[in-house]
Amino acid sequence: MFKQEQIKELLSNENVVRCSATNITYKEKFKVWAISKYLEEGYSPNEIFAEAGFNVSIIGKNKAKDCLFRWRRTMNKEGLKGLVENKGKLGGRKAKLQFKNKDKKIEYLEAKVAYLKAENDFLAKLRGLKRRKTE
């Protein structure tokens, strides 16, 4: 449970959309960036969250690891679309993507492009490793 002052601190982070006493909703752009840092650069989950301006002692030691695990699992099952559509922990109906203004749409599309580039780079590295093993 987050206290009121902790909620205010979390909401001041540019990577947070919403925060309640029990949940934090992160921006799609942050999720894509975090997965990219984890997969490509080998950062630990806590390093990623700390670099993004989160106080790890507030969110909890295991929260970063749990989030990255959940986001990677969702991405593997449903791709980027599953990662950026906010449907909650238990699933439920998928929200239709709607943008309030052009800036939000551009932000979403930039995050999507960044994710796809990271995914392509990662897959290219895997193909390179596979080729080296067969030689």
N, C-alpha and C. Protein backbone atom coordinates (compact mmCIF):
# COMPACT_ATOMS: atom_id res chain seq x y z
N MET A 1 0.84 -1.18 0.00
CA MET A 1 0.00 0.00 0.00
C MET A 1 0.89 1.25 0.00
N PHE A 2 0.60 2.14 -0.94
CA PHE A 2 1.35 3.39 -1.02
C PHE A 2 0.66 4.45 -0.15
N LYS A 3 1.48 5.24 0.54
CA LYS A 3 0.96 6.36 1.31
C LYS A 3 0.76 7.54 0.38
N GLN A 4 0.01 8.53 0.86
CA GLN A 4 -0.34 9.68 0.02
C GLN A 4 0.89 10.40 -0.53
N GLU A 5 1.92 10.61 0.31
CA GLU A 5 3.12 11.30 -0.17
C GLU A 5 3.90 10.45 -1.18
N GLN A 6 3.83 9.13 -1.03
CA GLN A 6 4.48 8.24 -2.01
C GLN A 6 3.74 8.29 -3.34
N ILE A 7 2.42 8.35 -3.29
CA ILE A 7 1.63 8.46 -4.51
C ILE A 7 1.97 9.76 -5.24
N LYS A 8 2.10 10.86 -4.50
CA LYS A 8 2.47 12.13 -5.12
C LYS A 8 3.83 12.05 -5.79
N GLU A 9 4.78 11.40 -5.12
CA GLU A 9 6.13 11.25 -5.70
C GLU A 9 6.07 10.40 -6.97
N LEU A 10 5.32 9.33 -6.93
CA LEU A 10 5.21 8.45 -8.11
C LEU A 10 4.53 9.19 -9.27
N LEU A 11 3.48 9.95 -8.97
CA LEU A 11 2.78 10.70 -10.02
C LEU A 11 3.65 11.80 -10.63
N SER A 12 4.65 12.25 -9.90
CA SER A 12 5.54 13.29 -10.45
C SER A 12 6.52 12.71 -11.48
N ASN A 13 6.63 11.39 -11.54
CA ASN A 13 7.52 10.75 -12.52
C ASN A 13 6.84 10.78 -13.88
N GLU A 14 7.57 11.19 -14.89
CA GLU A 14 7.01 11.31 -16.25
C GLU A 14 6.59 9.97 -16.86
N ASN A 15 7.01 8.87 -16.26
CA ASN A 15 6.68 7.55 -16.80
C ASN A 15 5.42 6.94 -16.19
N VAL A 16 4.77 7.67 -15.32
CA VAL A 16 3.57 7.17 -14.64
C VAL A 16 2.33 7.85 -15.20
N VAL A 17 1.34 7.03 -15.55
CA VAL A 17 0.05 7.55 -16.02
C VAL A 17 -0.88 7.77 -14.84
N ARG A 18 -1.01 6.74 -14.00
CA ARG A 18 -1.89 6.78 -12.83
C ARG A 18 -1.22 6.05 -11.68
N CYS A 19 -1.67 6.39 -10.49
CA CYS A 19 -1.18 5.70 -9.31
C CYS A 19 -2.27 5.73 -8.25
N SER A 20 -2.52 4.59 -7.64
CA SER A 20 -3.46 4.50 -6.53
C SER A 20 -2.70 3.95 -5.33
N ALA A 21 -3.39 3.66 -4.28
CA ALA A 21 -2.75 3.11 -3.08
C ALA A 21 -2.15 1.73 -3.35
N THR A 22 -2.64 1.04 -4.36
CA THR A 22 -2.18 -0.32 -4.62
C THR A 22 -1.55 -0.54 -6.00
N ASN A 23 -1.79 0.34 -6.96
CA ASN A 23 -1.33 0.09 -8.33
C ASN A 23 -0.65 1.30 -8.94
N ILE A 24 0.29 1.00 -9.85
CA ILE A 24 0.94 2.03 -10.65
C ILE A 24 0.70 1.67 -12.11
N THR A 25 0.25 2.62 -12.91
CA THR A 25 0.08 2.42 -14.34
C THR A 25 1.19 3.19 -15.04
N TYR A 26 1.99 2.46 -15.83
CA TYR A 26 3.14 3.05 -16.49
C TYR A 26 2.81 3.40 -17.94
N LYS A 27 3.51 4.41 -18.48
CA LYS A 27 3.32 4.80 -19.88
C LYS A 27 3.87 3.71 -20.79
N GLU A 28 3.23 3.57 -21.95
CA GLU A 28 3.64 2.56 -22.92
C GLU A 28 5.08 2.78 -23.35
N LYS A 29 5.45 4.02 -23.55
CA LYS A 29 6.80 4.36 -23.99
C LYS A 29 7.83 3.85 -22.98
N PHE A 30 7.52 3.96 -21.70
CA PHE A 30 8.43 3.48 -20.66
C PHE A 30 8.55 1.96 -20.71
N LYS A 31 7.43 1.27 -20.89
CA LYS A 31 7.46 -0.18 -20.94
C LYS A 31 8.36 -0.68 -22.07
N VAL A 32 8.20 -0.08 -23.24
CA VAL A 32 9.01 -0.46 -24.41
C VAL A 32 10.48 -0.16 -24.14
N TRP A 33 10.76 1.01 -23.60
CA TRP A 33 12.13 1.41 -23.29
C TRP A 33 12.76 0.45 -22.28
N ALA A 34 12.00 0.10 -21.24
CA ALA A 34 12.50 -0.78 -20.18
C ALA A 34 12.83 -2.16 -20.73
N ILE A 35 11.96 -2.70 -21.56
CA ILE A 35 12.21 -4.02 -22.15
C ILE A 35 13.44 -3.97 -23.05
N SER A 36 13.57 -2.91 -23.81
CA SER A 36 14.72 -2.73 -24.68
C SER A 36 16.02 -2.69 -23.88
N LYS A 37 16.04 -1.91 -22.80
CA LYS A 37 17.23 -1.82 -21.94
C LYS A 37 17.58 -3.18 -21.35
N TYR A 38 16.55 -3.92 -20.96
CA TYR A 38 16.76 -5.22 -20.33
C TYR A 38 17.32 -6.24 -21.33
N LEU A 39 16.69 -6.33 -22.49
CA LEU A 39 17.08 -7.33 -23.47
C LEU A 39 18.37 -6.99 -24.21
N GLU A 40 18.53 -5.74 -24.60
CA GLU A 40 19.66 -5.37 -25.44
C GLU A 40 20.91 -4.98 -24.67
N GLU A 41 20.71 -4.31 -23.54
CA GLU A 41 21.87 -3.77 -22.84
C GLU A 41 22.16 -4.50 -21.54
N GLY A 42 21.30 -5.42 -21.16
CA GLY A 42 21.55 -6.24 -19.99
C GLY A 42 21.40 -5.56 -18.64
N TYR A 43 20.68 -4.45 -18.62
CA TYR A 43 20.45 -3.76 -17.35
C TYR A 43 19.55 -4.62 -16.46
N SER A 44 19.75 -4.51 -15.16
CA SER A 44 18.87 -5.21 -14.23
C SER A 44 17.57 -4.41 -14.11
N PRO A 45 16.48 -5.06 -13.73
CA PRO A 45 15.21 -4.33 -13.59
C PRO A 45 15.32 -3.13 -12.63
N ASN A 46 15.99 -3.30 -11.49
CA ASN A 46 16.10 -2.19 -10.55
C ASN A 46 16.94 -1.05 -11.12
N GLU A 47 17.98 -1.36 -11.91
CA GLU A 47 18.78 -0.32 -12.55
C GLU A 47 17.92 0.47 -13.55
N ILE A 48 17.08 -0.24 -14.28
CA ILE A 48 16.22 0.40 -15.27
C ILE A 48 15.25 1.37 -14.58
N PHE A 49 14.59 0.90 -13.54
CA PHE A 49 13.63 1.74 -12.84
C PHE A 49 14.32 2.92 -12.16
N ALA A 50 15.52 2.70 -11.61
CA ALA A 50 16.25 3.79 -10.97
C ALA A 50 16.66 4.83 -12.02
N GLU A 51 17.12 4.37 -13.18
CA GLU A 51 17.51 5.29 -14.26
C GLU A 51 16.30 6.10 -14.74
N ALA A 52 15.12 5.52 -14.66
CA ALA A 52 13.91 6.21 -15.09
C ALA A 52 13.37 7.15 -14.00
N GLY A 53 14.07 7.24 -12.89
CA GLY A 53 13.68 8.20 -11.86
C GLY A 53 12.79 7.66 -10.76
N PHE A 54 12.66 6.34 -10.68
CA PHE A 54 11.83 5.75 -9.63
C PHE A 54 12.66 5.50 -8.38
N ASN A 55 12.06 5.72 -7.24
CA ASN A 55 12.68 5.37 -5.97
C ASN A 55 12.31 3.92 -5.71
N VAL A 56 13.28 3.03 -5.88
CA VAL A 56 13.02 1.60 -5.79
C VAL A 56 12.56 1.21 -4.40
N SER A 57 12.96 1.95 -3.40
CA SER A 57 12.53 1.62 -2.03
C SER A 57 11.04 1.89 -1.85
N ILE A 58 10.48 2.81 -2.64
CA ILE A 58 9.04 3.08 -2.55
C ILE A 58 8.24 2.00 -3.27
N ILE A 59 8.66 1.67 -4.49
CA ILE A 59 7.87 0.71 -5.26
C ILE A 59 8.09 -0.73 -4.82
N GLY A 60 9.19 -0.98 -4.12
CA GLY A 60 9.47 -2.32 -3.62
C GLY A 60 10.58 -2.99 -4.42
N LYS A 61 11.36 -3.83 -3.75
CA LYS A 61 12.52 -4.45 -4.37
C LYS A 61 12.15 -5.33 -5.56
N ASN A 62 11.05 -6.03 -5.47
CA ASN A 62 10.70 -6.99 -6.51
C ASN A 62 9.75 -6.43 -7.57
N LYS A 63 9.25 -5.23 -7.38
CA LYS A 63 8.25 -4.65 -8.29
C LYS A 63 8.82 -4.51 -9.70
N ALA A 64 10.04 -4.00 -9.83
CA ALA A 64 10.65 -3.80 -11.14
C ALA A 64 10.79 -5.14 -11.87
N LYS A 65 11.29 -6.14 -11.16
CA LYS A 65 11.47 -7.47 -11.75
C LYS A 65 10.13 -8.05 -12.17
N ASP A 66 9.14 -7.92 -11.31
CA ASP A 66 7.80 -8.45 -11.62
C ASP A 66 7.19 -7.76 -12.83
N CYS A 67 7.35 -6.44 -12.90
CA CYS A 67 6.80 -5.69 -14.04
C CYS A 67 7.45 -6.13 -15.34
N LEU A 68 8.78 -6.19 -15.37
CA LEU A 68 9.48 -6.60 -16.59
C LEU A 68 9.10 -8.02 -16.99
N PHE A 69 8.98 -8.92 -16.03
CA PHE A 69 8.58 -10.28 -16.33
C PHE A 69 7.19 -10.30 -16.97
N ARG A 70 6.27 -9.55 -16.37
CA ARG A 70 4.89 -9.52 -16.88
C ARG A 70 4.83 -8.88 -18.26
N TRP A 71 5.56 -7.77 -18.46
CA TRP A 71 5.55 -7.09 -19.75
C TRP A 71 6.17 -7.96 -20.84
N ARG A 72 7.26 -8.66 -20.52
CA ARG A 72 7.88 -9.54 -21.53
C ARG A 72 6.96 -10.70 -21.88
N ARG A 73 6.31 -11.27 -20.86
CA ARG A 73 5.38 -12.38 -21.11
C ARG A 73 4.22 -11.91 -21.99
N THR A 74 3.67 -10.75 -21.68
CA THR A 74 2.57 -10.20 -22.48
C THR A 74 3.03 -9.93 -23.91
N MET A 75 4.22 -9.36 -24.04
CA MET A 75 4.75 -9.05 -25.36
C MET A 75 4.98 -10.32 -26.17
N ASN A 76 5.47 -11.37 -25.54
CA ASN A 76 5.70 -12.63 -26.24
C ASN A 76 4.39 -13.27 -26.71
N LYS A 77 3.34 -13.14 -25.90
CA LYS A 77 2.05 -13.72 -26.25
C LYS A 77 1.29 -12.88 -27.28
N GLU A 78 1.28 -11.55 -27.06
CA GLU A 78 0.38 -10.69 -27.84
C GLU A 78 1.09 -9.63 -28.66
N GLY A 79 2.41 -9.56 -28.53
CA GLY A 79 3.15 -8.54 -29.26
C GLY A 79 2.99 -7.17 -28.63
N LEU A 80 3.44 -6.16 -29.36
CA LEU A 80 3.40 -4.79 -28.86
C LEU A 80 1.98 -4.35 -28.54
N LYS A 81 1.04 -4.81 -29.33
CA LYS A 81 -0.35 -4.40 -29.12
C LYS A 81 -0.83 -4.80 -27.73
N GLY A 82 -0.48 -5.97 -27.27
CA GLY A 82 -0.87 -6.42 -25.94
C GLY A 82 -0.18 -5.64 -24.85
N LEU A 83 1.04 -5.17 -25.15
CA LEU A 83 1.80 -4.43 -24.16
C LEU A 83 1.26 -3.02 -23.96
N VAL A 84 0.84 -2.39 -25.04
CA VAL A 84 0.44 -0.98 -24.93
C VAL A 84 -1.04 -0.79 -24.64
N GLU A 85 -1.84 -1.79 -24.85
CA GLU A 85 -3.26 -1.67 -24.51
C GLU A 85 -3.42 -1.98 -23.04
N ASN A 86 -3.97 -1.05 -22.31
CA ASN A 86 -4.14 -1.23 -20.88
C ASN A 86 -5.39 -2.05 -20.62
N LYS A 87 -5.18 -3.29 -20.17
CA LYS A 87 -6.34 -4.13 -19.89
C LYS A 87 -6.30 -4.70 -18.49
N GLY A 88 -5.38 -4.25 -17.67
CA GLY A 88 -5.33 -4.67 -16.28
C GLY A 88 -4.68 -6.03 -16.12
N LYS A 89 -4.43 -6.40 -14.87
CA LYS A 89 -3.74 -7.65 -14.56
C LYS A 89 -4.58 -8.88 -14.93
N LEU A 90 -5.87 -8.77 -14.80
CA LEU A 90 -6.71 -9.94 -14.99
C LEU A 90 -7.23 -10.08 -16.41
N GLY A 91 -6.81 -9.24 -17.30
CA GLY A 91 -7.27 -9.35 -18.68
C GLY A 91 -8.48 -8.47 -18.90
N GLY A 92 -9.57 -9.08 -19.24
CA GLY A 92 -10.75 -8.28 -19.52
C GLY A 92 -10.80 -7.86 -20.97
N ARG A 93 -11.72 -6.96 -21.27
CA ARG A 93 -11.84 -6.51 -22.65
C ARG A 93 -10.67 -5.63 -23.02
N LYS A 94 -10.22 -5.77 -24.24
CA LYS A 94 -9.15 -4.91 -24.72
C LYS A 94 -9.72 -3.57 -25.11
N ALA A 95 -9.03 -2.53 -24.68
CA ALA A 95 -9.48 -1.18 -24.99
C ALA A 95 -9.13 -0.85 -26.43
N LYS A 96 -10.05 -0.19 -27.10
CA LYS A 96 -9.77 0.28 -28.45
C LYS A 96 -8.88 1.52 -28.32
N LEU A 97 -7.81 1.54 -29.09
CA LEU A 97 -6.89 2.66 -29.01
C LEU A 97 -7.55 3.92 -29.52
N GLN A 98 -7.61 4.91 -28.66
CA GLN A 98 -8.14 6.21 -29.03
C GLN A 98 -7.16 7.26 -28.53
N PHE A 99 -6.97 8.28 -29.30
CA PHE A 99 -6.02 9.32 -28.93
C PHE A 99 -6.76 10.64 -28.73
N LYS A 100 -6.43 11.30 -27.64
CA LYS A 100 -7.08 12.57 -27.33
C LYS A 100 -6.58 13.69 -28.21
N ASN A 101 -5.32 13.58 -28.63
CA ASN A 101 -4.76 14.61 -29.52
C ASN A 101 -3.62 14.01 -30.35
N LYS A 102 -3.12 14.78 -31.26
CA LYS A 102 -2.07 14.29 -32.15
C LYS A 102 -0.78 13.97 -31.40
N ASP A 103 -0.49 14.72 -30.35
CA ASP A 103 0.73 14.48 -29.59
C ASP A 103 0.72 13.09 -28.97
N LYS A 104 -0.41 12.67 -28.43
CA LYS A 104 -0.51 11.34 -27.83
C LYS A 104 -0.35 10.26 -28.90
N LYS A 105 -0.93 10.48 -30.07
CA LYS A 105 -0.81 9.51 -31.15
C LYS A 105 0.65 9.41 -31.61
N ILE A 106 1.31 10.56 -31.73
CA ILE A 106 2.72 10.58 -32.14
C ILE A 106 3.57 9.87 -31.09
N GLU A 107 3.30 10.13 -29.80
CA GLU A 107 4.04 9.47 -28.73
C GLU A 107 3.88 7.95 -28.81
N TYR A 108 2.65 7.50 -29.04
CA TYR A 108 2.38 6.07 -29.17
C TYR A 108 3.12 5.48 -30.37
N LEU A 109 3.04 6.15 -31.49
CA LEU A 109 3.69 5.64 -32.70
C LEU A 109 5.21 5.63 -32.56
N GLU A 110 5.78 6.63 -31.90
CA GLU A 110 7.23 6.65 -31.67
C GLU A 110 7.64 5.48 -30.78
N ALA A 111 6.84 5.20 -29.76
CA ALA A 111 7.13 4.07 -28.88
C ALA A 111 7.04 2.76 -29.66
N LYS A 112 6.06 2.67 -30.53
CA LYS A 112 5.88 1.46 -31.33
C LYS A 112 7.07 1.25 -32.27
N VAL A 113 7.52 2.33 -32.92
CA VAL A 113 8.67 2.24 -33.82
C VAL A 113 9.92 1.84 -33.03
N ALA A 114 10.12 2.45 -31.85
CA ALA A 114 11.29 2.12 -31.03
C ALA A 114 11.26 0.65 -30.63
N TYR A 115 10.10 0.16 -30.25
CA TYR A 115 9.98 -1.25 -29.88
C TYR A 115 10.29 -2.15 -31.07
N LEU A 116 9.72 -1.86 -32.22
CA LEU A 116 9.93 -2.70 -33.39
C LEU A 116 11.39 -2.70 -33.83
N LYS A 117 12.06 -1.56 -33.73
CA LYS A 117 13.48 -1.50 -34.04
C LYS A 117 14.28 -2.38 -33.07
N ALA A 118 13.95 -2.26 -31.78
CA ALA A 118 14.64 -3.07 -30.77
C ALA A 118 14.39 -4.55 -31.01
N GLU A 119 13.17 -4.89 -31.35
CA GLU A 119 12.84 -6.29 -31.62
C GLU A 119 13.60 -6.81 -32.83
N ASN A 120 13.67 -6.02 -33.90
CA ASN A 120 14.41 -6.42 -35.09
C ASN A 120 15.90 -6.60 -34.79
N ASP A 121 16.48 -5.67 -34.02
CA ASP A 121 17.89 -5.80 -33.65
C ASP A 121 18.13 -7.07 -32.84
N PHE A 122 17.24 -7.32 -31.90
CA PHE A 122 17.36 -8.51 -31.07
C PHE A 122 17.27 -9.78 -31.91
N LEU A 123 16.31 -9.84 -32.83
CA LEU A 123 16.16 -11.02 -33.68
C LEU A 123 17.36 -11.18 -34.62
N ALA A 124 17.91 -10.07 -35.09
CA ALA A 124 19.10 -10.15 -35.94
C ALA A 124 20.27 -10.73 -35.16
N LYS A 125 20.42 -10.33 -33.91
CA LYS A 125 21.48 -10.89 -33.06
C LYS A 125 21.28 -12.38 -32.86
N LEU A 126 20.05 -12.79 -32.64
CA LEU A 126 19.77 -14.22 -32.48
C LEU A 126 20.12 -15.01 -33.74
N ARG A 127 19.75 -14.46 -34.89
CA ARG A 127 20.10 -15.14 -36.14
C ARG A 127 21.60 -15.25 -36.30
N GLY A 128 22.33 -14.20 -35.92
CA GLY A 128 23.79 -14.22 -35.99
C GLY A 128 24.37 -15.28 -35.08
N LEU A 129 23.83 -15.40 -33.88
CA LEU A 129 24.31 -16.43 -32.96
C LEU A 129 24.02 -17.82 -33.49
N LYS A 130 22.86 -18.00 -34.09
CA LYS A 130 22.47 -19.30 -34.63
C LYS A 130 23.41 -19.71 -35.77
N ARG A 131 23.76 -18.72 -36.61
CA ARG A 131 24.67 -19.01 -37.72
C ARG A 131 26.05 -19.42 -37.23
N ARG A 132 26.53 -18.74 -36.19
CA ARG A 132 27.86 -19.04 -35.65
C ARG A 132 27.92 -20.45 -35.08
N LYS A 133 26.82 -20.88 -34.47
CA LYS A 133 26.78 -22.23 -33.89
C LYS A 133 26.80 -23.31 -34.95
N THR A 134 26.19 -23.03 -36.11
CA THR A 134 26.13 -24.05 -37.16
C THR A 134 27.40 -24.11 -37.99
N GLU A 135 28.25 -23.09 -37.86
CA GLU A 135 29.49 -23.08 -38.68
C GLU A 135 30.56 -23.93 -38.07
